[in-house]
PDB file of all heavy atoms in Angstrom:
ATOM      1  N   TYR A   1       5.298   7.450   1.335  1.00  0.00           N
ATOM      2  CA  TYR A   1       3.869   7.400   1.380  1.00  0.00           C
ATOM      3  C   TYR A   1       3.425   8.892   1.485  1.00  0.00           C
ATOM      4  O   TYR A   1       4.090   9.755   2.164  1.00  0.00           O
ATOM      5  CB  TYR A   1       3.475   6.677   2.656  1.00  0.00           C
ATOM      6  CG  TYR A   1       3.829   5.235   2.708  1.00  0.00           C
ATOM      7  CD1 TYR A   1       4.958   4.781   3.278  1.00  0.00           C
ATOM      8  CD2 TYR A   1       2.979   4.224   2.112  1.00  0.00           C
ATOM      9  CE1 TYR A   1       5.294   3.453   3.364  1.00  0.00           C
ATOM     10  CE2 TYR A   1       3.286   2.888   2.137  1.00  0.00           C
ATOM     11  CZ  TYR A   1       4.473   2.569   2.730  1.00  0.00           C
ATOM     12  OH  TYR A   1       4.820   1.131   2.692  1.00  0.00           O
ATOM     13  N   ALA A   2       2.310   9.204   0.866  1.00  0.00           N
ATOM     14  CA  ALA A   2       1.630  10.377   0.969  1.00  0.00           C
ATOM     15  C   ALA A   2       1.110  10.514   2.503  1.00  0.00           C
ATOM     16  O   ALA A   2       0.793   9.516   3.172  1.00  0.00           O
ATOM     17  CB  ALA A   2       0.442  10.522   0.094  1.00  0.00           C
ATOM     18  N   ASP A   3       1.062  11.701   3.088  1.00  0.00           N
ATOM     19  CA  ASP A   3       0.585  11.957   4.425  1.00  0.00           C
ATOM     20  C   ASP A   3      -0.796  11.320   4.631  1.00  0.00           C
ATOM     21  O   ASP A   3      -1.148  10.848   5.772  1.00  0.00           O
ATOM     22  CB  ASP A   3       0.673  13.411   4.804  1.00  0.00           C
ATOM     23  CG  ASP A   3       2.159  13.931   4.884  1.00  0.00           C
ATOM     24  OD1 ASP A   3       3.097  13.126   5.105  1.00  0.00           O
ATOM     25  OD2 ASP A   3       2.347  15.106   4.962  1.00  0.00           O
ATOM     26  N   SER A   4      -1.647  11.507   3.618  1.00  0.00           N
ATOM     27  CA  SER A   4      -2.991  10.989   3.827  1.00  0.00           C
ATOM     28  C   SER A   4      -3.142   9.453   4.039  1.00  0.00           C
ATOM     29  O   SER A   4      -4.228   9.040   4.514  1.00  0.00           O
ATOM     30  CB  SER A   4      -3.773  11.524   2.601  1.00  0.00           C
ATOM     31  OG  SER A   4      -3.332  10.956   1.378  1.00  0.00           O
ATOM     32  N   VAL A   5      -2.074   8.679   3.552  1.00  0.00           N
ATOM     33  CA  VAL A   5      -2.232   7.203   3.737  1.00  0.00           C
ATOM     34  C   VAL A   5      -1.176   6.660   4.604  1.00  0.00           C
ATOM     35  O   VAL A   5      -1.218   5.413   4.871  1.00  0.00           O
ATOM     36  CB  VAL A   5      -2.114   6.555   2.295  1.00  0.00           C
ATOM     37  CG1 VAL A   5      -3.158   7.223   1.359  1.00  0.00           C
ATOM     38  CG2 VAL A   5      -0.762   6.628   1.802  1.00  0.00           C
ATOM     39  N   LYS A   6      -0.357   7.389   5.135  1.00  0.00           N
ATOM     40  CA  LYS A   6       0.739   7.025   6.028  1.00  0.00           C
ATOM     41  C   LYS A   6       0.179   6.334   7.255  1.00  0.00           C
ATOM     42  O   LYS A   6      -0.749   6.858   7.944  1.00  0.00           O
ATOM     43  CB  LYS A   6       1.763   8.099   6.461  1.00  0.00           C
ATOM     44  CG  LYS A   6       3.024   7.541   7.053  1.00  0.00           C
ATOM     45  CD  LYS A   6       3.941   8.761   7.357  1.00  0.00           C
ATOM     46  CE  LYS A   6       5.297   8.271   7.980  1.00  0.00           C
ATOM     47  NZ  LYS A   6       6.139   9.397   8.223  1.00  0.00           N
ATOM     48  N   GLY A   7       0.694   5.065   7.495  1.00  0.00           N
ATOM     49  CA  GLY A   7       0.134   4.324   8.637  1.00  0.00           C
ATOM     50  C   GLY A   7      -0.958   3.442   8.299  1.00  0.00           C
ATOM     51  O   GLY A   7      -1.314   2.553   9.118  1.00  0.00           O
ATOM     52  N   ARG A   8      -1.543   3.584   7.121  1.00  0.00           N
ATOM     53  CA  ARG A   8      -2.761   2.739   6.723  1.00  0.00           C
ATOM     54  C   ARG A   8      -2.288   1.903   5.547  1.00  0.00           C
ATOM     55  O   ARG A   8      -2.889   0.834   5.473  1.00  0.00           O
ATOM     56  CB  ARG A   8      -3.927   3.596   6.407  1.00  0.00           C
ATOM     57  CG  ARG A   8      -4.476   4.521   7.435  1.00  0.00           C
ATOM     58  CD  ARG A   8      -5.742   5.126   7.152  1.00  0.00           C
ATOM     59  NE  ARG A   8      -5.635   6.095   6.130  1.00  0.00           N
ATOM     60  CZ  ARG A   8      -6.244   6.050   4.900  1.00  0.00           C
ATOM     61  NH1 ARG A   8      -7.070   5.008   4.634  1.00  0.00           N
ATOM     62  NH2 ARG A   8      -6.120   6.884   4.014  1.00  0.00           N
ATOM     63  N   PHE A   9      -1.503   2.417   4.611  1.00  0.00           N
ATOM     64  CA  PHE A   9      -1.056   1.619   3.390  1.00  0.00           C
ATOM     65  C   PHE A   9       0.378   1.198   3.490  1.00  0.00           C
ATOM     66  O   PHE A   9       1.134   1.813   4.161  1.00  0.00           O
ATOM     67  CB  PHE A   9      -1.174   2.581   2.187  1.00  0.00           C
ATOM     68  CG  PHE A   9      -2.598   2.965   1.769  1.00  0.00           C
ATOM     69  CD1 PHE A   9      -3.709   2.770   2.603  1.00  0.00           C
ATOM     70  CD2 PHE A   9      -2.764   3.616   0.536  1.00  0.00           C
ATOM     71  CE1 PHE A   9      -5.027   3.157   2.228  1.00  0.00           C
ATOM     72  CE2 PHE A   9      -4.113   4.036   0.135  1.00  0.00           C
ATOM     73  CZ  PHE A   9      -5.134   3.849   0.982  1.00  0.00           C
ATOM     74  N   THR A  10       0.559   0.057   2.899  1.00  0.00           N
ATOM     75  CA  THR A  10       1.879  -0.514   2.886  1.00  0.00           C
ATOM     76  C   THR A  10       2.250  -0.972   1.426  1.00  0.00           C
ATOM     77  O   THR A  10       1.405  -1.808   0.922  1.00  0.00           O
ATOM     78  CB  THR A  10       2.151  -1.731   3.819  1.00  0.00           C
ATOM     79  OG1 THR A  10       1.777  -1.325   5.192  1.00  0.00           O
ATOM     80  CG2 THR A  10       3.546  -2.243   3.840  1.00  0.00           C
ATOM     81  N   ILE A  11       3.360  -0.556   0.921  1.00  0.00           N
ATOM     82  CA  ILE A  11       3.787  -0.968  -0.386  1.00  0.00           C
ATOM     83  C   ILE A  11       4.798  -2.098  -0.142  1.00  0.00           C
ATOM     84  O   ILE A  11       5.703  -1.949   0.719  1.00  0.00           O
ATOM     85  CB  ILE A  11       4.240   0.205  -1.225  1.00  0.00           C
ATOM     86  CG1 ILE A  11       4.493  -0.216  -2.717  1.00  0.00           C
ATOM     87  CG2 ILE A  11       5.536   0.824  -0.702  1.00  0.00           C
ATOM     88  CD1 ILE A  11       4.662   1.024  -3.654  1.00  0.00           C
ATOM     89  N   SER A  12       4.926  -3.008  -1.075  1.00  0.00           N
ATOM     90  CA  SER A  12       5.818  -4.176  -1.085  1.00  0.00           C
ATOM     91  C   SER A  12       6.088  -4.607  -2.463  1.00  0.00           C
ATOM     92  O   SER A  12       5.214  -4.336  -3.360  1.00  0.00           O
ATOM     93  CB  SER A  12       5.406  -5.209  -0.092  1.00  0.00           C
ATOM     94  OG  SER A  12       4.216  -5.867  -0.511  1.00  0.00           O
ATOM     95  N   ARG A  13       7.055  -5.432  -2.708  1.00  0.00           N
ATOM     96  CA  ARG A  13       7.267  -6.079  -4.049  1.00  0.00           C
ATOM     97  C   ARG A  13       7.718  -7.373  -3.805  1.00  0.00           C
ATOM     98  O   ARG A  13       8.476  -7.848  -2.872  1.00  0.00           O
ATOM     99  CB  ARG A  13       8.356  -5.115  -4.753  1.00  0.00           C
ATOM    100  CG  ARG A  13       9.842  -5.123  -4.165  1.00  0.00           C
ATOM    101  CD  ARG A  13      10.533  -4.024  -5.016  1.00  0.00           C
ATOM    102  NE  ARG A  13      10.621  -4.223  -6.414  1.00  0.00           N
ATOM    103  CZ  ARG A  13      10.577  -3.212  -7.247  1.00  0.00           C
ATOM    104  NH1 ARG A  13      10.646  -1.941  -6.768  1.00  0.00           N
ATOM    105  NH2 ARG A  13      10.644  -3.547  -8.620  1.00  0.00           N
ATOM    106  N   ASP A  14       7.570  -8.172  -4.812  1.00  0.00           N
ATOM    107  CA  ASP A  14       7.952  -9.548  -4.978  1.00  0.00           C
ATOM    108  C   ASP A  14       8.560  -9.651  -6.341  1.00  0.00           C
ATOM    109  O   ASP A  14       7.849  -9.987  -7.345  1.00  0.00           O
ATOM    110  CB  ASP A  14       6.896 -10.541  -4.753  1.00  0.00           C
ATOM    111  CG  ASP A  14       7.309 -11.964  -4.795  1.00  0.00           C
ATOM    112  OD1 ASP A  14       8.489 -12.297  -5.187  1.00  0.00           O
ATOM    113  OD2 ASP A  14       6.623 -12.864  -4.274  1.00  0.00           O
ATOM    114  N   ASN A  15       9.886  -9.517  -6.478  1.00  0.00           N
ATOM    115  CA  ASN A  15      10.555  -9.425  -7.799  1.00  0.00           C
ATOM    116  C   ASN A  15      10.463 -10.808  -8.513  1.00  0.00           C
ATOM    117  O   ASN A  15      10.458 -10.867  -9.690  1.00  0.00           O
ATOM    118  CB  ASN A  15      11.963  -8.909  -7.718  1.00  0.00           C
ATOM    119  CG  ASN A  15      11.997  -7.412  -7.423  1.00  0.00           C
ATOM    120  OD1 ASN A  15      11.075  -6.709  -7.647  1.00  0.00           O
ATOM    121  ND2 ASN A  15      13.137  -7.020  -6.935  1.00  0.00           N
ATOM    122  N   ALA A  16      10.406 -11.896  -7.729  1.00  0.00           N
ATOM    123  CA  ALA A  16      10.389 -13.226  -8.307  1.00  0.00           C
ATOM    124  C   ALA A  16       9.070 -13.411  -8.972  1.00  0.00           C
ATOM    125  O   ALA A  16       8.954 -14.180  -9.981  1.00  0.00           O
ATOM    126  CB  ALA A  16      10.487 -14.299  -7.225  1.00  0.00           C
ATOM    127  N   LYS A  17       7.998 -12.687  -8.628  1.00  0.00           N
ATOM    128  CA  LYS A  17       6.704 -12.725  -9.285  1.00  0.00           C
ATOM    129  C   LYS A  17       6.419 -11.587 -10.183  1.00  0.00           C
ATOM    130  O   LYS A  17       5.374 -11.372 -10.769  1.00  0.00           O
ATOM    131  CB  LYS A  17       5.516 -12.856  -8.192  1.00  0.00           C
ATOM    132  CG  LYS A  17       5.547 -14.097  -7.360  1.00  0.00           C
ATOM    133  CD  LYS A  17       4.466 -14.191  -6.407  1.00  0.00           C
ATOM    134  CE  LYS A  17       4.447 -15.495  -5.555  1.00  0.00           C
ATOM    135  NZ  LYS A  17       3.343 -15.460  -4.632  1.00  0.00           N
ATOM    136  N   ASN A  18       7.417 -10.719 -10.351  1.00  0.00           N
ATOM    137  CA  ASN A  18       7.334  -9.503 -11.173  1.00  0.00           C
ATOM    138  C   ASN A  18       6.072  -8.635 -10.768  1.00  0.00           C
ATOM    139  O   ASN A  18       5.443  -8.172 -11.640  1.00  0.00           O
ATOM    140  CB  ASN A  18       7.328  -9.881 -12.651  1.00  0.00           C
ATOM    141  CG  ASN A  18       8.156  -9.048 -13.519  1.00  0.00           C
ATOM    142  OD1 ASN A  18       9.251  -8.511 -13.062  1.00  0.00           O
ATOM    143  ND2 ASN A  18       7.887  -8.950 -14.696  1.00  0.00           N
ATOM    144  N   THR A  19       5.847  -8.501  -9.435  1.00  0.00           N
ATOM    145  CA  THR A  19       4.682  -7.860  -9.010  1.00  0.00           C
ATOM    146  C   THR A  19       4.942  -6.943  -7.798  1.00  0.00           C
ATOM    147  O   THR A  19       5.881  -7.282  -6.835  1.00  0.00           O
ATOM    148  CB  THR A  19       3.606  -8.920  -8.571  1.00  0.00           C
ATOM    149  OG1 THR A  19       3.307  -9.714  -9.659  1.00  0.00           O
ATOM    150  CG2 THR A  19       2.373  -8.241  -8.069  1.00  0.00           C
ATOM    151  N   VAL A  20       4.289  -5.808  -7.748  1.00  0.00           N
ATOM    152  CA  VAL A  20       4.296  -4.904  -6.574  1.00  0.00           C
ATOM    153  C   VAL A  20       2.887  -4.837  -5.983  1.00  0.00           C
ATOM    154  O   VAL A  20       1.923  -4.849  -6.740  1.00  0.00           O
ATOM    155  CB  VAL A  20       4.801  -3.473  -6.969  1.00  0.00           C
ATOM    156  CG1 VAL A  20       4.549  -2.439  -5.959  1.00  0.00           C
ATOM    157  CG2 VAL A  20       6.260  -3.525  -7.268  1.00  0.00           C
ATOM    158  N   TYR A  21       2.766  -4.724  -4.720  1.00  0.00           N
ATOM    159  CA  TYR A  21       1.581  -4.650  -4.012  1.00  0.00           C
ATOM    160  C   TYR A  21       1.344  -3.337  -3.226  1.00  0.00           C
ATOM    161  O   TYR A  21       2.211  -2.768  -2.849  1.00  0.00           O
ATOM    162  CB  TYR A  21       1.421  -5.834  -3.079  1.00  0.00           C
ATOM    163  CG  TYR A  21       1.660  -7.230  -3.605  1.00  0.00           C
ATOM    164  CD1 TYR A  21       3.023  -7.808  -3.557  1.00  0.00           C
ATOM    165  CD2 TYR A  21       0.643  -7.944  -4.316  1.00  0.00           C
ATOM    166  CE1 TYR A  21       3.224  -8.982  -4.147  1.00  0.00           C
ATOM    167  CE2 TYR A  21       0.894  -9.144  -4.810  1.00  0.00           C
ATOM    168  CZ  TYR A  21       2.132  -9.711  -4.857  1.00  0.00           C
ATOM    169  OH  TYR A  21       2.371 -10.909  -5.355  1.00  0.00           O
ATOM    170  N   LEU A  22       0.030  -3.050  -3.021  1.00  0.00           N
ATOM    171  CA  LEU A  22      -0.377  -1.994  -2.145  1.00  0.00           C
ATOM    172  C   LEU A  22      -1.398  -2.505  -1.229  1.00  0.00           C
ATOM    173  O   LEU A  22      -2.601  -2.671  -1.624  1.00  0.00           O
ATOM    174  CB  LEU A  22      -0.831  -0.721  -2.958  1.00  0.00           C
ATOM    175  CG  LEU A  22      -1.156   0.489  -2.086  1.00  0.00           C
ATOM    176  CD1 LEU A  22       0.089   1.088  -1.430  1.00  0.00           C
ATOM    177  CD2 LEU A  22      -1.836   1.580  -2.966  1.00  0.00           C
ATOM    178  N   GLN A  23      -1.056  -2.643  -0.042  1.00  0.00           N
ATOM    179  CA  GLN A  23      -1.949  -3.184   1.004  1.00  0.00           C
ATOM    180  C   GLN A  23      -2.583  -1.968   1.630  1.00  0.00           C
ATOM    181  O   GLN A  23      -1.876  -1.088   2.211  1.00  0.00           O
ATOM    182  CB  GLN A  23      -1.261  -3.910   2.105  1.00  0.00           C
ATOM    183  CG  GLN A  23      -2.224  -4.467   3.233  1.00  0.00           C
ATOM    184  CD  GLN A  23      -3.256  -5.439   2.818  1.00  0.00           C
ATOM    185  OE1 GLN A  23      -2.825  -6.366   2.103  1.00  0.00           O
ATOM    186  NE2 GLN A  23      -4.421  -5.218   3.186  1.00  0.00           N
ATOM    187  N   MET A  24      -3.956  -1.857   1.506  1.00  0.00           N
ATOM    188  CA  MET A  24      -4.747  -0.672   2.016  1.00  0.00           C
ATOM    189  C   MET A  24      -5.616  -1.096   3.187  1.00  0.00           C
ATOM    190  O   MET A  24      -6.549  -1.864   2.944  1.00  0.00           O
ATOM    191  CB  MET A  24      -5.483  -0.062   0.868  1.00  0.00           C
ATOM    192  CG  MET A  24      -4.601   0.235  -0.381  1.00  0.00           C
ATOM    193  SD  MET A  24      -5.639   1.115  -1.603  1.00  0.00           S
ATOM    194  CE  MET A  24      -6.787  -0.129  -2.028  1.00  0.00           C
ATOM    195  N   ASN A  25      -5.407  -0.561   4.309  1.00  0.00           N
ATOM    196  CA  ASN A  25      -6.165  -0.893   5.463  1.00  0.00           C
ATOM    197  C   ASN A  25      -6.803   0.327   6.010  1.00  0.00           C
ATOM    198  O   ASN A  25      -6.492   1.488   5.676  1.00  0.00           O
ATOM    199  CB  ASN A  25      -5.235  -1.489   6.645  1.00  0.00           C
ATOM    200  CG  ASN A  25      -4.581  -2.720   6.223  1.00  0.00           C
ATOM    201  OD1 ASN A  25      -5.153  -3.647   5.540  1.00  0.00           O
ATOM    202  ND2 ASN A  25      -3.345  -2.992   6.841  1.00  0.00           N
ATOM    203  N   SER A  26      -7.829   0.099   6.838  1.00  0.00           N
ATOM    204  CA  SER A  26      -8.611   1.263   7.532  1.00  0.00           C
ATOM    205  C   SER A  26      -9.071   2.243   6.439  1.00  0.00           C
ATOM    206  O   SER A  26      -8.876   3.419   6.571  1.00  0.00           O
ATOM    207  CB  SER A  26      -7.708   1.909   8.509  1.00  0.00           C
ATOM    208  OG  SER A  26      -7.297   1.029   9.532  1.00  0.00           O
ATOM    209  N   LEU A  27      -9.579   1.680   5.329  1.00  0.00           N
ATOM    210  CA  LEU A  27     -10.007   2.535   4.262  1.00  0.00           C
ATOM    211  C   LEU A  27     -11.072   3.425   4.613  1.00  0.00           C
ATOM    212  O   LEU A  27     -12.057   3.268   5.446  1.00  0.00           O
ATOM    213  CB  LEU A  27     -10.477   1.637   3.048  1.00  0.00           C
ATOM    214  CG  LEU A  27      -9.301   1.050   2.210  1.00  0.00           C
ATOM    215  CD1 LEU A  27      -9.829  -0.167   1.401  1.00  0.00           C
ATOM    216  CD2 LEU A  27      -8.579   2.030   1.411  1.00  0.00           C
ATOM    217  N   LYS A  28     -11.043   4.722   3.915  1.00  0.00           N
ATOM    218  CA  LYS A  28     -11.915   5.791   4.182  1.00  0.00           C
ATOM    219  C   LYS A  28     -12.650   6.215   2.841  1.00  0.00           C
ATOM    220  O   LYS A  28     -12.112   5.878   1.804  1.00  0.00           O
ATOM    221  CB  LYS A  28     -11.168   7.032   4.686  1.00  0.00           C
ATOM    222  CG  LYS A  28     -10.391   6.752   5.951  1.00  0.00           C
ATOM    223  CD  LYS A  28      -9.577   8.026   6.289  1.00  0.00           C
ATOM    224  CE  LYS A  28      -8.732   7.839   7.619  1.00  0.00           C
ATOM    225  NZ  LYS A  28      -7.945   9.039   7.860  1.00  0.00           N
ATOM    226  N   PRO A  29     -13.802   6.711   2.934  1.00  0.00           N
ATOM    227  CA  PRO A  29     -14.463   7.226   1.679  1.00  0.00           C
ATOM    228  C   PRO A  29     -13.542   8.082   0.851  1.00  0.00           C
ATOM    229  O   PRO A  29     -13.688   7.987  -0.363  1.00  0.00           O
ATOM    230  CB  PRO A  29     -15.746   7.970   2.247  1.00  0.00           C
ATOM    231  CG  PRO A  29     -15.983   7.250   3.585  1.00  0.00           C
ATOM    232  CD  PRO A  29     -14.701   6.932   4.188  1.00  0.00           C
ATOM    233  N   GLU A  30     -12.736   8.842   1.445  1.00  0.00           N
ATOM    234  CA  GLU A  30     -11.928   9.873   0.659  1.00  0.00           C
ATOM    235  C   GLU A  30     -10.823   9.055  -0.009  1.00  0.00           C
ATOM    236  O   GLU A  30     -10.083   9.637  -0.869  1.00  0.00           O
ATOM    237  CB  GLU A  30     -11.272  10.975   1.554  1.00  0.00           C
ATOM    238  CG  GLU A  30     -10.698  10.395   2.856  1.00  0.00           C
ATOM    239  CD  GLU A  30     -11.575  10.474   4.008  1.00  0.00           C
ATOM    240  OE1 GLU A  30     -12.796  10.108   3.925  1.00  0.00           O
ATOM    241  OE2 GLU A  30     -11.084  10.977   5.127  1.00  0.00           O
TER     242      GLU A  30
END
């Protein structure tokens, strides 16, 4: 994770669905 998003974003994958996710919480204008 980039320092700017660490603790707020979470990456995960579901290979059975051939998909990767990026959960973004506490979003900021930047």
